[in-house]
C-alpha atoms as a PDB file:
ATOM      1  CA  MET A   1      -6.369   6.598   3.287  1.00  0.00           C
ATOM      2  CA  ASN A   2      -8.420   4.776   6.096  1.00  0.00           C
ATOM      3  CA  THR A   3     -11.413   4.128   3.331  1.00  0.00           C
ATOM      4  CA  PHE A   4      -9.197   2.767   1.038  1.00  0.00           C
ATOM      5  CA  VAL A   5      -6.948   0.253   3.636  1.00  0.00           C
ATOM      6  CA  ASN A   6     -10.502  -0.642   4.894  1.00  0.00           C
ATOM      7  CA  LYS A   7     -12.193  -0.948   1.569  1.00  0.00           C
ATOM      8  CA  ALA A   8      -9.442  -2.397  -0.775  1.00  0.00           C
ATOM      9  CA  ASP A   9      -8.620  -5.968  -1.601  1.00  0.00           C
ATOM     10  CA  LEU A  10      -5.277  -5.574  -0.790  1.00  0.00           C
ATOM     11  CA  LYS A  11      -4.288  -9.532  -0.380  1.00  0.00           C
ATOM     12  CA  GLY A  12      -1.147 -10.144  -2.272  1.00  0.00           C
ATOM     13  CA  LYS A  13      -0.799  -6.704  -4.036  1.00  0.00           C
ATOM     14  CA  SER A  14       2.105  -4.481  -4.109  1.00  0.00           C
ATOM     15  CA  VAL A  15       0.972  -0.701  -2.784  1.00  0.00           C
ATOM     16  CA  PHE A  16       3.447   2.774  -2.659  1.00  0.00           C
ATOM     17  CA  LEU A  17       1.790   4.729   0.216  1.00  0.00           C
ATOM     18  CA  VAL A  18       2.022   8.605  -0.493  1.00  0.00           C
ATOM     19  CA  GLY A  19       1.255  11.359   2.173  1.00  0.00           C
ATOM     20  CA  VAL A  20       0.032  14.797   1.692  1.00  0.00           C
ATOM     21  CA  GLY A  21      -0.283  17.188   4.166  1.00  0.00           C
ATOM     22  CA  ALA A  22       0.838  20.347   6.482  1.00  0.00           C
ATOM     23  CA  GLY A  23       4.248  19.215   6.802  1.00  0.00           C
ATOM     24  CA  GLU A  24       6.736  17.193   4.636  1.00  0.00           C
ATOM     25  CA  ALA A  25       7.568  14.617   7.574  1.00  0.00           C
ATOM     26  CA  ASN A  26       4.569  12.822   8.712  1.00  0.00           C
ATOM     27  CA  GLU A  27       6.165   9.663   9.522  1.00  0.00           C
ATOM     28  CA  LYS A  28       3.896   8.382  12.325  1.00  0.00           C
ATOM     29  CA  ALA A  29       1.081   8.643   9.863  1.00  0.00           C
ATOM     30  CA  LEU A  30       2.745   7.050   7.375  1.00  0.00           C
ATOM     31  CA  LYS A  31       4.222   4.228   9.675  1.00  0.00           C
ATOM     32  CA  ARG A  32       0.203   3.361  10.658  1.00  0.00           C
ATOM     33  CA  PHE A  33      -0.948   2.752   6.999  1.00  0.00           C
ATOM     34  CA  THR A  34       1.758   0.489   6.502  1.00  0.00           C
ATOM     35  CA  ALA A  35       0.731  -1.177   9.220  1.00  0.00           C
ATOM     36  CA  LYS A  36      -2.406  -1.308   8.114  1.00  0.00           C
ATOM     37  CA  ALA A  37      -1.939  -2.130   4.585  1.00  0.00           C
ATOM     38  CA  GLU A  38       0.191  -4.968   5.350  1.00  0.00           C
ATOM     39  CA  LYS A  39      -2.112  -6.262   7.551  1.00  0.00           C
ATOM     40  CA  ALA A  40      -4.785  -6.429   5.033  1.00  0.00           C
ATOM     41  CA  GLY A  41      -2.083  -8.475   3.030  1.00  0.00           C
ATOM     42  CA  ALA A  42      -0.423  -5.700   1.069  1.00  0.00           C
ATOM     43  CA  ASN A  43       3.110  -5.811   0.118  1.00  0.00           C
ATOM     44  CA  VAL A  44       4.134  -2.318   0.751  1.00  0.00           C
ATOM     45  CA  VAL A  45       7.150  -1.393  -1.421  1.00  0.00           C
ATOM     46  CA  GLY A  46       7.433   2.202  -0.283  1.00  0.00           C
ATOM     47  CA  THR A  47       6.231   5.364   0.965  1.00  0.00           C
ATOM     48  CA  LYS A  48       7.077   9.139   0.844  1.00  0.00           C
ATOM     49  CA  ASN A  49       5.508  11.808   2.065  1.00  0.00           C
ATOM     50  CA  PHE A  50       5.048  15.116   0.691  1.00  0.00           C
ATOM     51  CA  LYS A  51       4.364  18.511   1.786  1.00  0.00           C
ATOM     52  CA  GLY A  52       0.747  20.312   0.636  1.00  0.00           C
ATOM     53  CA  LEU A  53      -0.934  23.619  -0.022  1.00  0.00           C
ATOM     54  CA  GLN A  54      -1.356  25.161   3.046  1.00  0.00           C
ATOM     55  CA  MET A  55      -5.085  26.869   3.836  1.00  0.00           C
ATOM     56  CA  LYS A  56      -4.162  30.215   3.426  1.00  0.00           C
ATOM     57  CA  GLN A  57      -1.222  29.722   0.712  1.00  0.00           C
ATOM     58  CA  ASP A  58      -2.031  31.051  -2.972  1.00  0.00           C
ATOM     59  CA  LEU A  59      -1.396  28.000  -5.292  1.00  0.00           C
ATOM     60  CA  LYS A  60       0.871  30.473  -7.413  1.00  0.00           C
ATOM     61  CA  GLU A  61       3.815  30.488  -4.072  1.00  0.00           C
ATOM     62  CA  VAL A  62       3.762  26.714  -4.302  1.00  0.00           C
ATOM     63  CA  GLU A  63       3.113  25.081  -7.698  1.00  0.00           C
ATOM     64  CA  SER A  64       6.570  24.762  -8.569  1.00  0.00           C
ATOM     65  CA  VAL A  65       7.526  22.981  -5.553  1.00  0.00           C
ATOM     66  CA  LEU A  66       4.658  20.648  -5.997  1.00  0.00           C
ATOM     67  CA  LEU A  67       5.218  19.769  -9.451  1.00  0.00           C
ATOM     68  CA  GLU A  68       8.472  19.223  -8.653  1.00  0.00           C
ATOM     69  CA  SER A  69       7.417  16.261  -5.686  1.00  0.00           C
ATOM     70  CA  GLY A  70       5.121  15.198  -8.472  1.00  0.00           C
ATOM     71  CA  LYS A  71       8.057  14.661 -10.825  1.00  0.00           C
ATOM     72  CA  GLN A  72       9.601  13.107  -7.587  1.00  0.00           C
ATOM     73  CA  LEU A  73       7.109  10.615  -6.873  1.00  0.00           C
ATOM     74  CA  ALA A  74       6.950   9.528 -10.985  1.00  0.00           C
ATOM     75  CA  GLY A  75      10.728   9.199 -10.897  1.00  0.00           C
ATOM     76  CA  ILE A  76      10.303   6.593  -8.097  1.00  0.00           C
ATOM     77  CA  ILE A  77       7.490   4.601  -9.601  1.00  0.00           C
ATOM     78  CA  GLU A  78       9.055   4.787 -12.825  1.00  0.00           C
ATOM     79  CA  ARG A  79      11.979   3.042 -10.647  1.00  0.00           C
ATOM     80  CA  LEU A  80      10.176   0.345  -9.036  1.00  0.00           C
ATOM     81  CA  VAL A  81       8.504  -0.783 -12.134  1.00  0.00           C
ATOM     82  CA  GLN A  82      11.298  -1.244 -13.990  1.00  0.00           C
END
């Protein structure tokens, strides 16, 4: 995400930041990225954290949870663009 924020022209653009990591709640990271994006001129319209696949997990163990997370994200974005 650092590369994206540093290289993208975000001036005047609305962005929705998504974090995917080992845990579902990494609010510190999203707050840092929100501040960086806003400093670069972006209008951050929302943020959402999701728990990703862990190194020792088999995809089949968590596939349904990951798919549900994707549906949640799609619903959030759909509501934002209406």
